[in-house]
PDB file of N, CA and C in Angstrom:
ATOM      1  N   MET A   1      11.567 -33.318  -9.556  1.00  0.00           N
ATOM      2  CA  MET A   1      11.567 -33.319 -10.994  1.00  0.00           C
ATOM      3  C   MET A   1      12.861 -33.942 -11.521  1.00  0.00           C
ATOM      4  N   LYS A   2      12.723 -34.727 -12.564  1.00  0.00           N
ATOM      5  CA  LYS A   2      13.892 -35.373 -13.179  1.00  0.00           C
ATOM      6  C   LYS A   2      14.627 -34.400 -14.096  1.00  0.00           C
ATOM      7  N   LYS A   3      15.929 -34.468 -14.050  1.00  0.00           N
ATOM      8  CA  LYS A   3      16.751 -33.681 -14.963  1.00  0.00           C
ATOM      9  C   LYS A   3      16.768 -34.386 -16.315  1.00  0.00           C
ATOM     10  N   LYS A   4      16.588 -33.612 -17.376  1.00  0.00           N
ATOM     11  CA  LYS A   4      16.553 -34.193 -18.719  1.00  0.00           C
ATOM     12  C   LYS A   4      17.915 -34.779 -19.083  1.00  0.00           C
ATOM     13  N   GLN A   5      17.900 -35.967 -19.610  1.00  0.00           N
ATOM     14  CA  GLN A   5      19.119 -36.625 -20.074  1.00  0.00           C
ATOM     15  C   GLN A   5      19.333 -36.283 -21.549  1.00  0.00           C
ATOM     16  N   PHE A   6      20.518 -35.830 -21.864  1.00  0.00           N
ATOM     17  CA  PHE A   6      20.848 -35.507 -23.245  1.00  0.00           C
ATOM     18  C   PHE A   6      21.511 -36.702 -23.902  1.00  0.00           C
ATOM     19  N   SER A   7      21.184 -36.882 -25.165  1.00  0.00           N
ATOM     20  CA  SER A   7      21.814 -37.956 -25.928  1.00  0.00           C
ATOM     21  C   SER A   7      23.274 -37.593 -26.180  1.00  0.00           C
ATOM     22  N   PRO A   8      24.097 -38.572 -26.524  1.00  0.00           N
ATOM     23  CA  PRO A   8      25.504 -38.257 -26.839  1.00  0.00           C
ATOM     24  C   PRO A   8      25.622 -37.221 -27.959  1.00  0.00           C
ATOM     25  N   LYS A   9      24.729 -37.290 -28.930  1.00  0.00           N
ATOM     26  CA  LYS A   9      24.761 -36.336 -30.038  1.00  0.00           C
ATOM     27  C   LYS A   9      24.456 -34.916 -29.533  1.00  0.00           C
ATOM     28  N   GLU A  10      23.468 -34.806 -28.649  1.00  0.00           N
ATOM     29  CA  GLU A  10      23.123 -33.506 -28.079  1.00  0.00           C
ATOM     30  C   GLU A  10      24.248 -32.974 -27.200  1.00  0.00           C
ATOM     31  N   GLN A  11      24.887 -33.853 -26.453  1.00  0.00           N
ATOM     32  CA  GLN A  11      26.014 -33.444 -25.613  1.00  0.00           C
ATOM     33  C   GLN A  11      27.176 -32.943 -26.470  1.00  0.00           C
ATOM     34  N   GLU A  12      27.424 -33.643 -27.557  1.00  0.00           N
ATOM     35  CA  GLU A  12      28.496 -33.240 -28.473  1.00  0.00           C
ATOM     36  C   GLU A  12      28.194 -31.872 -29.086  1.00  0.00           C
ATOM     37  N   PHE A  13      26.939 -31.661 -29.482  1.00  0.00           N
ATOM     38  CA  PHE A  13      26.544 -30.384 -30.072  1.00  0.00           C
ATOM     39  C   PHE A  13      26.677 -29.254 -29.051  1.00  0.00           C
ATOM     40  N   GLU A  14      26.253 -29.493 -27.829  1.00  0.00           N
ATOM     41  CA  GLU A  14      26.361 -28.491 -26.764  1.00  0.00           C
ATOM     42  C   GLU A  14      27.826 -28.119 -26.523  1.00  0.00           C
ATOM     43  N   LYS A  15      28.692 -29.106 -26.520  1.00  0.00           N
ATOM     44  CA  LYS A  15      30.128 -28.872 -26.345  1.00  0.00           C
ATOM     45  C   LYS A  15      30.677 -28.023 -27.500  1.00  0.00           C
ATOM     46  N   TYR A  16      30.237 -28.321 -28.722  1.00  0.00           N
ATOM     47  CA  TYR A  16      30.652 -27.568 -29.904  1.00  0.00           C
ATOM     48  C   TYR A  16      30.193 -26.110 -29.792  1.00  0.00           C
ATOM     49  N   LEU A  17      28.933 -25.897 -29.382  1.00  0.00           N
ATOM     50  CA  LEU A  17      28.419 -24.536 -29.228  1.00  0.00           C
ATOM     51  C   LEU A  17      29.235 -23.741 -28.215  1.00  0.00           C
ATOM     52  N   GLN A  18      29.554 -24.360 -27.099  1.00  0.00           N
ATOM     53  CA  GLN A  18      30.359 -23.681 -26.084  1.00  0.00           C
ATOM     54  C   GLN A  18      31.719 -23.285 -26.653  1.00  0.00           C
ATOM     55  N   LYS A  19      32.279 -24.155 -27.447  1.00  0.00           N
ATOM     56  CA  LYS A  19      33.595 -23.905 -28.045  1.00  0.00           C
ATOM     57  C   LYS A  19      33.544 -22.710 -28.997  1.00  0.00           C
ATOM     58  N   ILE A  20      32.581 -22.703 -29.921  1.00  0.00           N
ATOM     59  CA  ILE A  20      32.558 -21.634 -30.929  1.00  0.00           C
ATOM     60  C   ILE A  20      32.019 -20.317 -30.390  1.00  0.00           C
ATOM     61  N   GLU A  21      31.290 -20.356 -29.275  1.00  0.00           N
ATOM     62  CA  GLU A  21      30.776 -19.123 -28.686  1.00  0.00           C
ATOM     63  C   GLU A  21      31.796 -18.448 -27.774  1.00  0.00           C
ATOM     64  N   ASP A  22      32.904 -19.096 -27.525  1.00  0.00           N
ATOM     65  CA  ASP A  22      33.973 -18.508 -26.727  1.00  0.00           C
ATOM     66  C   ASP A  22      34.546 -17.318 -27.500  1.00  0.00           C
ATOM     67  N   PRO A  23      34.595 -16.124 -26.890  1.00  0.00           N
ATOM     68  CA  PRO A  23      35.108 -14.945 -27.592  1.00  0.00           C
ATOM     69  C   PRO A  23      36.534 -15.106 -28.110  1.00  0.00           C
ATOM     70  N   ASN A  24      37.308 -16.002 -27.538  1.00  0.00           N
ATOM     71  CA  ASN A  24      38.690 -16.219 -27.968  1.00  0.00           C
ATOM     72  C   ASN A  24      38.823 -17.313 -29.016  1.00  0.00           C
ATOM     73  N   TYR A  25      37.707 -17.881 -29.450  1.00  0.00           N
ATOM     74  CA  TYR A  25      37.750 -18.969 -30.429  1.00  0.00           C
ATOM     75  C   TYR A  25      38.251 -18.435 -31.766  1.00  0.00           C
ATOM     76  N   GLN A  26      39.222 -19.115 -32.338  1.00  0.00           N
ATOM     77  CA  GLN A  26      39.828 -18.688 -33.600  1.00  0.00           C
ATOM     78  C   GLN A  26      39.564 -19.668 -34.740  1.00  0.00           C
ATOM     79  N   GLY A  27      38.595 -20.530 -34.595  1.00  0.00           N
ATOM     80  CA  GLY A  27      38.335 -21.570 -35.584  1.00  0.00           C
ATOM     81  C   GLY A  27      37.539 -21.089 -36.776  1.00  0.00           C
ATOM     82  N   GLU A  28      37.005 -22.042 -37.489  1.00  0.00           N
ATOM     83  CA  GLU A  28      36.298 -21.789 -38.734  1.00  0.00           C
ATOM     84  C   GLU A  28      34.858 -21.364 -38.473  1.00  0.00           C
ATOM     85  N   VAL A  29      34.670 -20.066 -38.408  1.00  0.00           N
ATOM     86  CA  VAL A  29      33.340 -19.518 -38.214  1.00  0.00           C
ATOM     87  C   VAL A  29      33.110 -18.485 -39.300  1.00  0.00           C
ATOM     88  N   ASN A  30      32.003 -18.628 -40.007  1.00  0.00           N
ATOM     89  CA  ASN A  30      31.656 -17.676 -41.042  1.00  0.00           C
ATOM     90  C   ASN A  30      31.050 -16.450 -40.384  1.00  0.00           C
ATOM     91  N   TYR A  31      31.675 -15.321 -40.554  1.00  0.00           N
ATOM     92  CA  TYR A  31      31.209 -14.096 -39.930  1.00  0.00           C
ATOM     93  C   TYR A  31      29.997 -13.552 -40.676  1.00  0.00           C
ATOM     94  N   ALA A  32      29.142 -12.873 -39.949  1.00  0.00           N
ATOM     95  CA  ALA A  32      27.990 -12.194 -40.526  1.00  0.00           C
ATOM     96  C   ALA A  32      28.244 -10.694 -40.457  1.00  0.00           C
ATOM     97  N   LEU A  33      27.441  -9.964 -41.192  1.00  0.00           N
ATOM     98  CA  LEU A  33      27.544  -8.514 -41.123  1.00  0.00           C
ATOM     99  C   LEU A  33      27.002  -8.020 -39.787  1.00  0.00           C
ATOM    100  N   PRO A  34      27.512  -6.883 -39.314  1.00  0.00           N
ATOM    101  CA  PRO A  34      26.941  -6.313 -38.092  1.00  0.00           C
ATOM    102  C   PRO A  34      25.504  -5.848 -38.343  1.00  0.00           C
ATOM    103  N   GLU A  35      24.821  -5.463 -37.300  1.00  0.00           N
ATOM    104  CA  GLU A  35      23.406  -5.101 -37.413  1.00  0.00           C
ATOM    105  C   GLU A  35      23.158  -3.968 -38.403  1.00  0.00           C
ATOM    106  N   ASN A  36      23.950  -2.929 -38.361  1.00  0.00           N
ATOM    107  CA  ASN A  36      23.803  -1.795 -39.284  1.00  0.00           C
ATOM    108  C   ASN A  36      25.107  -1.607 -40.052  1.00  0.00           C
ATOM    109  N   PRO A  37      25.347  -2.444 -41.051  1.00  0.00           N
ATOM    110  CA  PRO A  37      26.641  -2.393 -41.743  1.00  0.00           C
ATOM    111  C   PRO A  37      26.795  -1.137 -42.591  1.00  0.00           C
ATOM    112  N   THR A  38      28.033  -0.714 -42.722  1.00  0.00           N
ATOM    113  CA  THR A  38      28.345   0.403 -43.608  1.00  0.00           C
ATOM    114  C   THR A  38      28.348  -0.110 -45.043  1.00  0.00           C
ATOM    115  N   PRO A  39      28.240   0.787 -46.019  1.00  0.00           N
ATOM    116  CA  PRO A  39      28.334   0.342 -47.415  1.00  0.00           C
ATOM    117  C   PRO A  39      29.653  -0.386 -47.704  1.00  0.00           C
ATOM    118  N   LEU A  40      30.739   0.044 -47.074  1.00  0.00           N
ATOM    119  CA  LEU A  40      32.031  -0.619 -47.265  1.00  0.00           C
ATOM    120  C   LEU A  40      31.985  -2.051 -46.747  1.00  0.00           C
ATOM    121  N   GLN A  41      31.413  -2.248 -45.566  1.00  0.00           N
ATOM    122  CA  GLN A  41      31.295  -3.602 -45.013  1.00  0.00           C
ATOM    123  C   GLN A  41      30.449  -4.491 -45.919  1.00  0.00           C
ATOM    124  N   VAL A  42      29.356  -3.951 -46.436  1.00  0.00           N
ATOM    125  CA  VAL A  42      28.483  -4.724 -47.326  1.00  0.00           C
ATOM    126  C   VAL A  42      29.233  -5.110 -48.594  1.00  0.00           C
ATOM    127  N   ALA A  43      29.966  -4.172 -49.180  1.00  0.00           N
ATOM    128  CA  ALA A  43      30.709  -4.456 -50.410  1.00  0.00           C
ATOM    129  C   ALA A  43      31.754  -5.543 -50.177  1.00  0.00           C
ATOM    130  N   LYS A  44      32.502  -5.435 -49.101  1.00  0.00           N
ATOM    131  CA  LYS A  44      33.530  -6.436 -48.801  1.00  0.00           C
ATOM    132  C   LYS A  44      32.904  -7.798 -48.519  1.00  0.00           C
ATOM    133  N   PHE A  45      31.809  -7.813 -47.777  1.00  0.00           N
ATOM    134  CA  PHE A  45      31.106  -9.060 -47.470  1.00  0.00           C
ATOM    135  C   PHE A  45      30.601  -9.719 -48.758  1.00  0.00           C
ATOM    136  N   ASN A  46      30.015  -8.929 -49.652  1.00  0.00           N
ATOM    137  CA  ASN A  46      29.496  -9.480 -50.908  1.00  0.00           C
ATOM    138  C   ASN A  46      30.604 -10.092 -51.758  1.00  0.00           C
ATOM    139  N   ILE A  47      31.755  -9.460 -51.797  1.00  0.00           N
ATOM    140  CA  ILE A  47      32.873 -10.029 -52.555  1.00  0.00           C
ATOM    141  C   ILE A  47      33.302 -11.353 -51.930  1.00  0.00           C
ATOM    142  N   CYS A  48      33.416 -11.396 -50.613  1.00  0.00           N
ATOM    143  CA  CYS A  48      33.784 -12.654 -49.936  1.00  0.00           C
ATOM    144  C   CYS A  48      32.777 -13.755 -50.251  1.00  0.00           C
ATOM    145  N   GLN A  49      31.496 -13.426 -50.205  1.00  0.00           N
ATOM    146  CA  GLN A  49      30.460 -14.418 -50.474  1.00  0.00           C
ATOM    147  C   GLN A  49      30.514 -14.904 -51.923  1.00  0.00           C
ATOM    148  N   ASN A  50      30.834 -14.003 -52.851  1.00  0.00           N
ATOM    149  CA  ASN A  50      30.946 -14.409 -54.251  1.00  0.00           C
ATOM    150  C   ASN A  50      32.161 -15.297 -54.489  1.00  0.00           C
ATOM    151  N   ILE A  51      33.244 -15.041 -53.792  1.00  0.00           N
ATOM    152  CA  ILE A  51      34.420 -15.912 -53.902  1.00  0.00           C
ATOM    153  C   ILE A  51      34.096 -17.288 -53.335  1.00  0.00           C
ATOM    154  N   LEU A  52      33.388 -17.331 -52.213  1.00  0.00           N
ATOM    155  CA  LEU A  52      32.959 -18.609 -51.637  1.00  0.00           C
ATOM    156  C   LEU A  52      32.037 -19.355 -52.603  1.00  0.00           C
ATOM    157  N   ARG A  53      31.098 -18.646 -53.205  1.00  0.00           N
ATOM    158  CA  ARG A  53      30.183 -19.261 -54.174  1.00  0.00           C
ATOM    159  C   ARG A  53      30.968 -19.840 -55.360  1.00  0.00           C
ATOM    160  N   TYR A  54      31.957 -19.085 -55.851  1.00  0.00           N
ATOM    161  CA  TYR A  54      32.796 -19.558 -56.954  1.00  0.00           C
ATOM    162  C   TYR A  54      33.500 -20.859 -56.572  1.00  0.00           C
ATOM    163  N   LYS A  55      34.041 -20.908 -55.360  1.00  0.00           N
ATOM    164  CA  LYS A  55      34.727 -22.111 -54.874  1.00  0.00           C
ATOM    165  C   LYS A  55      33.788 -23.304 -54.877  1.00  0.00           C
ATOM    166  N   ARG A  56      32.582 -23.098 -54.342  1.00  0.00           N
ATOM    167  CA  ARG A  56      31.606 -24.201 -54.270  1.00  0.00           C
ATOM    168  C   ARG A  56      31.145 -24.644 -55.652  1.00  0.00           C
ATOM    169  N   GLU A  57      30.791 -23.696 -56.504  1.00  0.00           N
ATOM    170  CA  GLU A  57      30.267 -24.030 -57.830  1.00  0.00           C
ATOM    171  C   GLU A  57      31.302 -24.714 -58.711  1.00  0.00           C
ATOM    172  N   ASN A  58      32.573 -24.448 -58.457  1.00  0.00           N
ATOM    173  CA  ASN A  58      33.645 -25.058 -59.247  1.00  0.00           C
ATOM    174  C   ASN A  58      34.313 -26.223 -58.530  1.00  0.00           C
ATOM    175  N   ASN A  59      33.719 -26.649 -57.416  1.00  0.00           N
ATOM    176  CA  ASN A  59      34.223 -27.793 -56.644  1.00  0.00           C
ATOM    177  C   ASN A  59      35.718 -27.689 -56.351  1.00  0.00           C
ATOM    178  N   LEU A  60      36.134 -26.518 -55.908  1.00  0.00           N
ATOM    179  CA  LEU A  60      37.546 -26.292 -55.605  1.00  0.00           C
ATOM    180  C   LEU A  60      37.819 -26.537 -54.126  1.00  0.00           C
ATOM    181  N   THR A  61      39.005 -26.993 -53.831  1.00  0.00           N
ATOM    182  CA  THR A  61      39.444 -27.084 -52.441  1.00  0.00           C
ATOM    183  C   THR A  61      39.900 -25.689 -52.013  1.00  0.00           C
ATOM    184  N   ARG A  62      40.142 -25.525 -50.746  1.00  0.00           N
ATOM    185  CA  ARG A  62      40.662 -24.247 -50.256  1.00  0.00           C
ATOM    186  C   ARG A  62      42.032 -23.968 -50.865  1.00  0.00           C
ATOM    187  N   GLU A  63      42.829 -25.025 -50.988  1.00  0.00           N
ATOM    188  CA  GLU A  63      44.167 -24.874 -51.554  1.00  0.00           C
ATOM    189  C   GLU A  63      44.091 -24.431 -53.015  1.00  0.00           C
ATOM    190  N   GLN A  64      43.185 -25.030 -53.786  1.00  0.00           N
ATOM    191  CA  GLN A  64      43.036 -24.652 -55.191  1.00  0.00           C
ATOM    192  C   GLN A  64      42.565 -23.207 -55.321  1.00  0.00           C
ATOM    193  N   THR A  65      41.648 -22.821 -54.456  1.00  0.00           N
ATOM    194  CA  THR A  65      41.159 -21.442 -54.472  1.00  0.00           C
ATOM    195  C   THR A  65      42.296 -20.488 -54.133  1.00  0.00           C
ATOM    196  N   ALA A  66      43.076 -20.825 -53.124  1.00  0.00           N
ATOM    197  CA  ALA A  66      44.216 -19.994 -52.719  1.00  0.00           C
ATOM    198  C   ALA A  66      45.198 -19.828 -53.872  1.00  0.00           C
ATOM    199  N   GLU A  67      45.463 -20.917 -54.565  1.00  0.00           N
ATOM    200  CA  GLU A  67      46.399 -20.870 -55.691  1.00  0.00           C
ATOM    201  C   GLU A  67      45.880 -19.954 -56.796  1.00  0.00           C
ATOM    202  N   ARG A  68      44.588 -20.024 -57.077  1.00  0.00           N
ATOM    203  CA  ARG A  68      44.022 -19.202 -58.154  1.00  0.00           C
ATOM    204  C   ARG A  68      44.058 -17.716 -57.837  1.00  0.00           C
ATOM    205  N   ILE A  69      43.915 -17.364 -56.568  1.00  0.00           N
ATOM    206  CA  ILE A  69      43.925 -15.936 -56.242  1.00  0.00           C
ATOM    207  C   ILE A  69      45.275 -15.456 -55.715  1.00  0.00           C
ATOM    208  N   GLY A  70      46.222 -16.379 -55.574  1.00  0.00           N
ATOM    209  CA  GLY A  70      47.575 -16.000 -55.195  1.00  0.00           C
ATOM    210  C   GLY A  70      47.752 -15.647 -53.727  1.00  0.00           C
ATOM    211  N   LEU A  71      47.044 -16.366 -52.865  1.00  0.00           N
ATOM    212  CA  LEU A  71      47.162 -16.143 -51.427  1.00  0.00           C
ATOM    213  C   LEU A  71      47.546 -17.431 -50.724  1.00  0.00           C
ATOM    214  N   SER A  72      47.905 -17.298 -49.458  1.00  0.00           N
ATOM    215  CA  SER A  72      48.129 -18.491 -48.645  1.00  0.00           C
ATOM    216  C   SER A  72      46.769 -19.112 -48.324  1.00  0.00           C
ATOM    217  N   LYS A  73      46.797 -20.354 -47.874  1.00  0.00           N
ATOM    218  CA  LYS A  73      45.550 -21.020 -47.488  1.00  0.00           C
ATOM    219  C   LYS A  73      44.885 -20.264 -46.340  1.00  0.00           C
ATOM    220  N   ALA A  74      45.671 -19.810 -45.370  1.00  0.00           N
ATOM    221  CA  ALA A  74      45.116 -19.092 -44.209  1.00  0.00           C
ATOM    222  C   ALA A  74      44.424 -17.795 -44.629  1.00  0.00           C
ATOM    223  N   GLU A  75      45.063 -17.031 -45.525  1.00  0.00           N
ATOM    224  CA  GLU A  75      44.445 -15.791 -45.999  1.00  0.00           C
ATOM    225  C   GLU A  75      43.175 -16.085 -46.791  1.00  0.00           C
ATOM    226  N   THR A  76      43.210 -17.136 -47.588  1.00  0.00           N
ATOM    227  CA  THR A  76      42.035 -17.520 -48.366  1.00  0.00           C
ATOM    228  C   THR A  76      40.892 -17.923 -47.444  1.00  0.00           C
ATOM    229  N   GLU A  77      41.210 -18.628 -46.373  1.00  0.00           N
ATOM    230  CA  GLU A  77      40.167 -19.006 -45.412  1.00  0.00           C
ATOM    231  C   GLU A  77      39.547 -17.774 -44.772  1.00  0.00           C
ATOM    232  N   ASP A  78      40.340 -16.725 -44.537  1.00  0.00           N
ATOM    233  CA  ASP A  78      39.768 -15.481 -44.012  1.00  0.00           C
ATOM    234  C   ASP A  78      38.725 -14.916 -44.974  1.00  0.00           C
ATOM    235  N   ILE A  79      38.979 -15.019 -46.268  1.00  0.00           N
ATOM    236  CA  ILE A  79      37.998 -14.564 -47.255  1.00  0.00           C
ATOM    237  C   ILE A  79      36.783 -15.485 -47.252  1.00  0.00           C
ATOM    238  N   LEU A  80      37.015 -16.791 -47.284  1.00  0.00           N
ATOM    239  CA  LEU A  80      35.911 -17.749 -47.363  1.00  0.00           C
ATOM    240  C   LEU A  80      34.999 -17.685 -46.141  1.00  0.00           C
ATOM    241  N   PHE A  81      35.540 -17.264 -44.994  1.00  0.00           N
ATOM    242  CA  PHE A  81      34.731 -17.135 -43.781  1.00  0.00           C
ATOM    243  C   PHE A  81      34.315 -15.684 -43.526  1.00  0.00           C
ATOM    244  N   SER A  82      34.467 -14.845 -44.549  1.00  0.00           N
ATOM    245  CA  SER A  82      34.010 -13.444 -44.511  1.00  0.00           C
ATOM    246  C   SER A  82      34.600 -12.635 -43.362  1.00  0.00           C
ATOM    247  N   HIS A  83      35.881 -12.797 -43.129  1.00  0.00           N
ATOM    248  CA  HIS A  83      36.572 -11.987 -42.123  1.00  0.00           C
ATOM    249  C   HIS A  83      36.963 -10.668 -42.790  1.00  0.00           C
ATOM    250  N   ILE A  84      35.956  -9.849 -43.042  1.00  0.00           N
ATOM    251  CA  ILE A  84      36.138  -8.652 -43.871  1.00  0.00           C
ATOM    252  C   ILE A  84      37.101  -7.633 -43.278  1.00  0.00           C
ATOM    253  N   GLU A  85      37.278  -7.660 -41.968  1.00  0.00           N
ATOM    254  CA  GLU A  85      38.172  -6.688 -41.340  1.00  0.00           C
ATOM    255  C   GLU A  85      39.635  -6.958 -41.683  1.00  0.00           C
ATOM    256  N   GLN A  86      39.932  -8.120 -42.234  1.00  0.00           N
ATOM    257  CA  GLN A  86      41.309  -8.486 -42.575  1.00  0.00           C
ATOM    258  C   GLN A  86      41.768  -7.915 -43.921  1.00  0.00           C
ATOM    259  N   PHE A  87      40.811  -7.366 -44.710  1.00  0.00           N
ATOM    260  CA  PHE A  87      41.130  -6.962 -46.079  1.00  0.00           C
ATOM    261  C   PHE A  87      40.579  -5.583 -46.403  1.00  0.00           C
ATOM    262  N   THR A  88      41.307  -4.881 -47.260  1.00  0.00           N
ATOM    263  CA  THR A  88      40.779  -3.634 -47.810  1.00  0.00           C
ATOM    264  C   THR A  88      39.920  -3.990 -49.017  1.00  0.00           C
ATOM    265  N   LEU A  89      39.055  -3.076 -49.394  1.00  0.00           N
ATOM    266  CA  LEU A  89      38.178  -3.321 -50.538  1.00  0.00           C
ATOM    267  C   LEU A  89      38.986  -3.527 -51.817  1.00  0.00           C
ATOM    268  N   ASP A  90      40.021  -2.729 -52.023  1.00  0.00           N
ATOM    269  CA  ASP A  90      40.797  -2.871 -53.255  1.00  0.00           C
ATOM    270  C   ASP A  90      41.502  -4.224 -53.335  1.00  0.00           C
ATOM    271  N   ARG A  91      41.957  -4.741 -52.203  1.00  0.00           N
ATOM    272  CA  ARG A  91      42.575  -6.082 -52.218  1.00  0.00           C
ATOM    273  C   ARG A  91      41.547  -7.141 -52.596  1.00  0.00           C
ATOM    274  N   LEU A  92      40.348  -7.059 -52.011  1.00  0.00           N
ATOM    275  CA  LEU A  92      39.311  -8.046 -52.331  1.00  0.00           C
ATOM    276  C   LEU A  92      38.910  -7.972 -53.800  1.00  0.00           C
ATOM    277  N   VAL A  93      38.828  -6.760 -54.337  1.00  0.00           N
ATOM    278  CA  VAL A  93      38.511  -6.606 -55.763  1.00  0.00           C
ATOM    279  C   VAL A  93      39.608  -7.250 -56.603  1.00  0.00           C
ATOM    280  N   ASP A  94      40.855  -7.054 -56.224  1.00  0.00           N
ATOM    281  CA  ASP A  94      41.975  -7.660 -56.947  1.00  0.00           C
ATOM    282  C   ASP A  94      41.879  -9.185 -56.932  1.00  0.00           C
ATOM    283  N   TYR A  95      41.584  -9.776 -55.765  1.00  0.00           N
ATOM    284  CA  TYR A  95      41.474 -11.236 -55.679  1.00  0.00           C
ATOM    285  C   TYR A  95      40.290 -11.742 -56.493  1.00  0.00           C
ATOM    286  N   ALA A  96      39.176 -11.042 -56.423  1.00  0.00           N
ATOM    287  CA  ALA A  96      37.990 -11.452 -57.182  1.00  0.00           C
ATOM    288  C   ALA A  96      38.256 -11.376 -58.682  1.00  0.00           C
ATOM    289  N   SER A  97      39.039 -10.394 -59.111  1.00  0.00           N
ATOM    290  CA  SER A  97      39.321 -10.247 -60.541  1.00  0.00           C
ATOM    291  C   SER A  97      40.132 -11.416 -61.093  1.00  0.00           C
ATOM    292  N   LYS A  98      40.791 -12.151 -60.217  1.00  0.00           N
ATOM    293  CA  LYS A  98      41.544 -13.326 -60.662  1.00  0.00           C
ATOM    294  C   LYS A  98      40.628 -14.524 -60.889  1.00  0.00           C
ATOM    295  N   LEU A  99      39.411 -14.464 -60.348  1.00  0.00           N
ATOM    296  CA  LEU A  99      38.444 -15.550 -60.517  1.00  0.00           C
ATOM    297  C   LEU A  99      37.366 -15.206 -61.535  1.00  0.00           C
ATOM    298  N   PHE A 100      36.951 -13.962 -61.539  1.00  0.00           N
ATOM    299  CA  PHE A 100      35.856 -13.523 -62.403  1.00  0.00           C
ATOM    300  C   PHE A 100      36.422 -12.605 -63.470  1.00  0.00           C
ATOM    301  N   GLU A 101      36.555 -13.145 -64.662  1.00  0.00           N
ATOM    302  CA  GLU A 101      37.129 -12.350 -65.736  1.00  0.00           C
ATOM    303  C   GLU A 101      36.184 -12.321 -66.910  1.00  0.00           C
ATOM    304  N   PRO A 102      35.750 -11.181 -67.374  1.00  0.00           N
ATOM    305  CA  PRO A 102      36.042  -9.853 -66.846  1.00  0.00           C
ATOM    306  C   PRO A 102      35.209  -9.582 -65.590  1.00  0.00           C
ATOM    307  N   LEU A 103      35.728  -8.741 -64.724  1.00  0.00           N
ATOM    308  CA  LEU A 103      35.050  -8.377 -63.479  1.00  0.00           C
ATOM    309  C   LEU A 103      34.447  -6.992 -63.644  1.00  0.00           C
ATOM    310  N   GLU A 104      33.218  -6.845 -63.217  1.00  0.00           N
ATOM    311  CA  GLU A 104      32.552  -5.546 -63.264  1.00  0.00           C
ATOM    312  C   GLU A 104      32.043  -5.216 -61.870  1.00  0.00           C
ATOM    313  N   ILE A 105      32.335  -4.021 -61.414  1.00  0.00           N
ATOM    314  CA  ILE A 105      31.867  -3.547 -60.113  1.00  0.00           C
ATOM    315  C   ILE A 105      30.803  -2.490 -60.375  1.00  0.00           C
ATOM    316  N   LYS A 106      29.647  -2.630 -59.712  1.00  0.00           N
ATOM    317  CA  LYS A 106      28.559  -1.667 -59.885  1.00  0.00           C
ATOM    318  C   LYS A 106      28.245  -1.002 -58.553  1.00  0.00           C
ATOM    319  N   VAL A 107      27.878   0.258 -58.634  1.00  0.00           N
ATOM    320  CA  VAL A 107      27.388   0.979 -57.466  1.00  0.00           C
ATOM    321  C   VAL A 107      25.907   1.217 -57.709  1.00  0.00           C
ATOM    322  N   VAL A 108      25.093   0.670 -56.822  1.00  0.00           N
ATOM    323  CA  VAL A 108      23.646   0.822 -56.957  1.00  0.00           C
ATOM    324  C   VAL A 108      23.065   1.273 -55.625  1.00  0.00           C
ATOM    325  N   LYS A 109      21.938   1.953 -55.704  1.00  0.00           N
ATOM    326  CA  LYS A 109      21.252   2.376 -54.486  1.00  0.00           C
ATOM    327  C   LYS A 109      20.671   1.138 -53.819  1.00  0.00           C
ATOM    328  N   ALA A 110      20.992   0.959 -52.547  1.00  0.00           N
ATOM    329  CA  ALA A 110      20.532  -0.222 -51.815  1.00  0.00           C
ATOM    330  C   ALA A 110      19.062  -0.092 -51.468  1.00  0.00           C
ATOM    331  N   ASP A 111      18.387  -1.228 -51.464  1.00  0.00           N
ATOM    332  CA  ASP A 111      17.011  -1.303 -51.001  1.00  0.00           C
ATOM    333  C   ASP A 111      17.060  -1.187 -49.483  1.00  0.00           C
ATOM    334  N   ALA A 112      16.334  -0.250 -48.920  1.00  0.00           N
ATOM    335  CA  ALA A 112      16.380  -0.011 -47.477  1.00  0.00           C
ATOM    336  C   ALA A 112      15.880  -1.196 -46.667  1.00  0.00           C
ATOM    337  N   ARG A 113      15.127  -2.089 -47.283  1.00  0.00           N
ATOM    338  CA  ARG A 113      14.560  -3.219 -46.552  1.00  0.00           C
ATOM    339  C   ARG A 113      15.465  -4.426 -46.508  1.00  0.00           C
ATOM    340  N   ARG A 114      16.418  -4.522 -47.402  1.00  0.00           N
ATOM    341  CA  ARG A 114      17.268  -5.711 -47.417  1.00  0.00           C
ATOM    342  C   ARG A 114      18.646  -5.373 -47.955  1.00  0.00           C
ATOM    343  N   ILE A 115      19.566  -6.251 -47.674  1.00  0.00           N
ATOM    344  CA  ILE A 115      20.932  -6.133 -48.183  1.00  0.00           C
ATOM    345  C   ILE A 115      21.164  -7.346 -49.058  1.00  0.00           C
ATOM    346  N   SER A 116      21.496  -7.129 -50.312  1.00  0.00           N
ATOM    347  CA  SER A 116      21.700  -8.279 -51.201  1.00  0.00           C
ATOM    348  C   SER A 116      23.083  -8.850 -51.011  1.00  0.00           C
ATOM    349  N   VAL A 117      23.159 -10.141 -51.214  1.00  0.00           N
ATOM    350  CA  VAL A 117      24.437 -10.843 -51.108  1.00  0.00           C
ATOM    351  C   VAL A 117      24.722 -11.494 -52.432  1.00  0.00           C
TER     352      VAL A 117
END
């Protein structure tokens, strides 16, 4: 049987996958919520996603976003990639309040079938 030949594009993609799947990889990877997230994890994740949405909708660079919320570029990237373990909820609320004015936080009963973002 012949071994399948991969195109250069497929080889490049395979190399990229190996790189980002390495447990020690520290690059730009958007984190997802764990399988059974706590309400705190969901709240922090939602704030990160809303900050990312604000950046995209306003065509801001990472540097511009960092300047608006008063963080370094590296810290801002942690928010944009949803590295929720790096921040407390009150810090994320503070950063979001610099972008969304006025900011309102609501506590609602979650739908057991889905988690809203």
